[in-house]
C-alpha cells in the first residue's frame, strides 16, 4: 500500500468501514511506516479529540489509539477465523456428500 492510498483510508479506518483485505493492508502499513503512523495519530487526535471535547471526557491519544488498533486487529482475526470455519464446514459437507454418493453408487 502506498502512503497516499493509506492516508485516504484513515477516515474509513476510524469509522470502522474497511473490509478485511483493506484493513489488513492498512494495519500492516501502519506497522511499517512511521510517517503514516504520525498522520493516523494526528487525524485520530482531531477525530476523537473534538468529540471528547464536546462531552468533556478525558483523552489519551496514544493509549486510546493503541486500544482502537488492538480492537481492529482482534476483529480482523475474528473475521479470518469465521472464514476459515466456513471453508472447513464447506469441505466437510462436500466430503460427506461424496461419501454418501459413493455408498449409493456402490450398492446400485
C-alpha atoms as a PDB file:
ATOM      1  CA  UNK A   1       0.000   0.000   0.000  1.00  0.00           C
ATOM      2  CA  UNK A   2       1.331   3.420  -0.895  1.00  0.00           C
ATOM      3  CA  UNK A   3       1.296   6.249   1.648  1.00  0.00           C
ATOM      4  CA  UNK A   4      -1.138   8.300  -0.454  1.00  0.00           C
ATOM      5  CA  UNK A   5      -3.629   5.424  -0.528  1.00  0.00           C
ATOM      6  CA  UNK A   6      -3.085   4.863   3.191  1.00  0.00           C
ATOM      7  CA  UNK A   7      -3.924   8.441   4.161  1.00  0.00           C
ATOM      8  CA  UNK A   8      -7.053   8.212   2.018  1.00  0.00           C
ATOM      9  CA  UNK A   9      -8.231   5.276   4.133  1.00  0.00           C
ATOM     10  CA  UNK A  10      -7.700   6.812   7.563  1.00  0.00           C
ATOM     11  CA  UNK A  11     -11.241   8.150   7.955  1.00  0.00           C
ATOM     12  CA  UNK A  12     -12.729   4.837   6.833  1.00  0.00           C
ATOM     13  CA  UNK A  13     -10.463   3.103   9.356  1.00  0.00           C
ATOM     14  CA  UNK A  14     -11.508   5.428  12.168  1.00  0.00           C
ATOM     15  CA  UNK A  15     -15.167   4.894  11.261  1.00  0.00           C
ATOM     16  CA  UNK A  16     -14.703   1.091  11.131  1.00  0.00           C
ATOM     17  CA  UNK A  17     -15.603   0.914   7.435  1.00  0.00           C
ATOM     18  CA  UNK A  18     -12.683  -1.060   5.962  1.00  0.00           C
ATOM     19  CA  UNK A  19     -13.316  -4.523   4.596  1.00  0.00           C
ATOM     20  CA  UNK A  20     -10.932  -7.273   5.631  1.00  0.00           C
ATOM     21  CA  UNK A  21      -8.373  -7.005   2.832  1.00  0.00           C
ATOM     22  CA  UNK A  22      -8.009  -3.244   3.125  1.00  0.00           C
ATOM     23  CA  UNK A  23      -7.987  -3.433   6.919  1.00  0.00           C
ATOM     24  CA  UNK A  24      -5.192  -5.987   6.838  1.00  0.00           C
ATOM     25  CA  UNK A  25      -3.164  -3.884   4.391  1.00  0.00           C
ATOM     26  CA  UNK A  26      -3.838  -0.769   6.462  1.00  0.00           C
ATOM     27  CA  UNK A  27      -2.679  -2.379   9.702  1.00  0.00           C
ATOM     28  CA  UNK A  28       0.432  -3.820   8.038  1.00  0.00           C
ATOM     29  CA  UNK A  29       1.311  -0.425   6.571  1.00  0.00           C
ATOM     30  CA  UNK A  30       0.860   1.443   9.851  1.00  0.00           C
ATOM     31  CA  UNK A  31       3.270  -1.001  11.498  1.00  0.00           C
ATOM     32  CA  UNK A  32       5.923  -0.275   8.859  1.00  0.00           C
ATOM     33  CA  UNK A  33       5.605   3.438   8.054  1.00  0.00           C
ATOM     34  CA  UNK A  34       6.384   5.998  10.745  1.00  0.00           C
ATOM     35  CA  UNK A  35       5.134   8.926   8.630  1.00  0.00           C
ATOM     36  CA  UNK A  36       1.749   7.309   8.140  1.00  0.00           C
ATOM     37  CA  UNK A  37       1.596   6.342  11.814  1.00  0.00           C
ATOM     38  CA  UNK A  38       2.095  10.025  12.635  1.00  0.00           C
ATOM     39  CA  UNK A  39      -0.641  11.020  10.168  1.00  0.00           C
ATOM     40  CA  UNK A  40      -3.017   8.492  11.717  1.00  0.00           C
ATOM     41  CA  UNK A  41      -2.223   9.823  15.166  1.00  0.00           C
ATOM     42  CA  UNK A  42      -2.933  13.420  14.058  1.00  0.00           C
ATOM     43  CA  UNK A  43      -6.212  12.508  12.390  1.00  0.00           C
ATOM     44  CA  UNK A  44      -7.242  10.369  15.353  1.00  0.00           C
ATOM     45  CA  UNK A  45      -6.477  13.252  17.684  1.00  0.00           C
ATOM     46  CA  UNK A  46      -8.689  15.544  15.628  1.00  0.00           C
ATOM     47  CA  UNK A  47     -11.432  12.952  15.064  1.00  0.00           C
ATOM     48  CA  UNK A  48     -11.652  11.673  18.619  1.00  0.00           C
ATOM     49  CA  UNK A  49     -10.398  14.782  20.403  1.00  0.00           C
ATOM     50  CA  UNK A  50     -13.143  17.040  19.062  1.00  0.00           C
ATOM     51  CA  UNK A  51     -15.788  14.535  20.046  1.00  0.00           C
ATOM     52  CA  UNK A  52     -14.373  14.212  23.551  1.00  0.00           C
ATOM     53  CA  UNK A  53     -14.100  17.977  23.968  1.00  0.00           C
ATOM     54  CA  UNK A  54     -17.835  18.230  23.414  1.00  0.00           C
ATOM     55  CA  UNK A  55     -18.551  15.678  26.128  1.00  0.00           C
ATOM     56  CA  UNK A  56     -15.782  16.801  28.487  1.00  0.00           C
ATOM     57  CA  UNK A  57     -14.271  13.311  28.572  1.00  0.00           C
ATOM     58  CA  UNK A  58     -10.562  12.858  29.177  1.00  0.00           C
ATOM     59  CA  UNK A  59      -8.382  11.774  26.305  1.00  0.00           C
ATOM     60  CA  UNK A  60      -5.026   9.996  25.994  1.00  0.00           C
ATOM     61  CA  UNK A  61      -4.387   9.891  22.259  1.00  0.00           C
ATOM     62  CA  UNK A  62      -1.613   7.297  22.342  1.00  0.00           C
ATOM     63  CA  UNK A  63      -3.391   4.908  24.715  1.00  0.00           C
ATOM     64  CA  UNK A  64      -6.797   5.296  23.076  1.00  0.00           C
ATOM     65  CA  UNK A  65      -5.405   4.910  19.547  1.00  0.00           C
ATOM     66  CA  UNK A  66      -3.443   1.806  20.599  1.00  0.00           C
ATOM     67  CA  UNK A  67      -6.649   0.326  22.046  1.00  0.00           C
ATOM     68  CA  UNK A  68      -8.536   1.117  18.809  1.00  0.00           C
ATOM     69  CA  UNK A  69      -5.773  -0.521  16.744  1.00  0.00           C
ATOM     70  CA  UNK A  70      -5.845  -3.609  19.003  1.00  0.00           C
ATOM     71  CA  UNK A  71      -9.621  -3.822  18.644  1.00  0.00           C
ATOM     72  CA  UNK A  72      -9.324  -3.667  14.860  1.00  0.00           C
ATOM     73  CA  UNK A  73      -6.683  -6.411  14.875  1.00  0.00           C
ATOM     74  CA  UNK A  74      -8.965  -8.592  17.031  1.00  0.00           C
ATOM     75  CA  UNK A  75     -11.861  -8.014  14.626  1.00  0.00           C
ATOM     76  CA  UNK A  76      -9.655  -8.967  11.699  1.00  0.00           C
ATOM     77  CA  UNK A  77      -8.501 -12.186  13.416  1.00  0.00           C
ATOM     78  CA  UNK A  78     -12.134 -12.992  14.274  1.00  0.00           C
ATOM     79  CA  UNK A  79     -13.304 -12.402  10.697  1.00  0.00           C
ATOM     80  CA  UNK A  80     -10.482 -14.552   9.338  1.00  0.00           C
ATOM     81  CA  UNK A  81     -11.381 -17.282  11.827  1.00  0.00           C
ATOM     82  CA  UNK A  82     -15.009 -17.198  10.666  1.00  0.00           C
ATOM     83  CA  UNK A  83     -13.894 -17.515   7.048  1.00  0.00           C
ATOM     84  CA  UNK A  84     -11.680 -20.495   7.870  1.00  0.00           C
ATOM     85  CA  UNK A  85     -14.508 -22.159   9.781  1.00  0.00           C
ATOM     86  CA  UNK A  86     -16.889 -21.626   6.856  1.00  0.00           C
ATOM     87  CA  UNK A  87     -14.379 -23.123   4.426  1.00  0.00           C
ATOM     88  CA  UNK A  88     -13.824 -26.105   6.729  1.00  0.00           C
ATOM     89  CA  UNK A  89     -17.593 -26.646   7.022  1.00  0.00           C
ATOM     90  CA  UNK A  90     -17.950 -26.495   3.247  1.00  0.00           C
ATOM     91  CA  UNK A  91     -15.148 -29.039   2.785  1.00  0.00           C
ATOM     92  CA  UNK A  92     -16.704 -31.343   5.372  1.00  0.00           C
ATOM     93  CA  UNK A  93     -20.132 -31.062   3.731  1.00  0.00           C
ATOM     94  CA  UNK A  94     -18.661 -31.827   0.322  1.00  0.00           C
ATOM     95  CA  UNK A  95     -16.711 -34.782   1.710  1.00  0.00           C
ATOM     96  CA  UNK A  96     -19.819 -36.153   3.426  1.00  0.00           C
ATOM     97  CA  UNK A  97     -21.798 -35.784   0.199  1.00  0.00           C
ATOM     98  CA  UNK A  98     -19.114 -37.624  -1.768  1.00  0.00           C
ATOM     99  CA  UNK A  99     -19.028 -40.426   0.807  1.00  0.00           C
ATOM    100  CA  UNK A 100     -22.810 -40.826   0.673  1.00  0.00           C
ATOM    101  CA  UNK A 101     -22.715 -40.694  -3.115  1.00  0.00           C
ATOM    102  CA  UNK A 102     -20.010 -43.373  -3.140  1.00  0.00           C
ATOM    103  CA  UNK A 103     -22.073 -45.602  -0.857  1.00  0.00           C
ATOM    104  CA  UNK A 104     -25.179 -45.168  -3.024  1.00  0.00           C
ATOM    105  CA  UNK A 105     -23.196 -45.919  -6.179  1.00  0.00           C
ATOM    106  CA  UNK A 106     -21.622 -48.980  -4.545  1.00  0.00           C
ATOM    107  CA  UNK A 107     -24.988 -50.502  -3.648  1.00  0.00           C
ATOM    108  CA  UNK A 108     -26.605 -49.938  -7.020  1.00  0.00           C
END
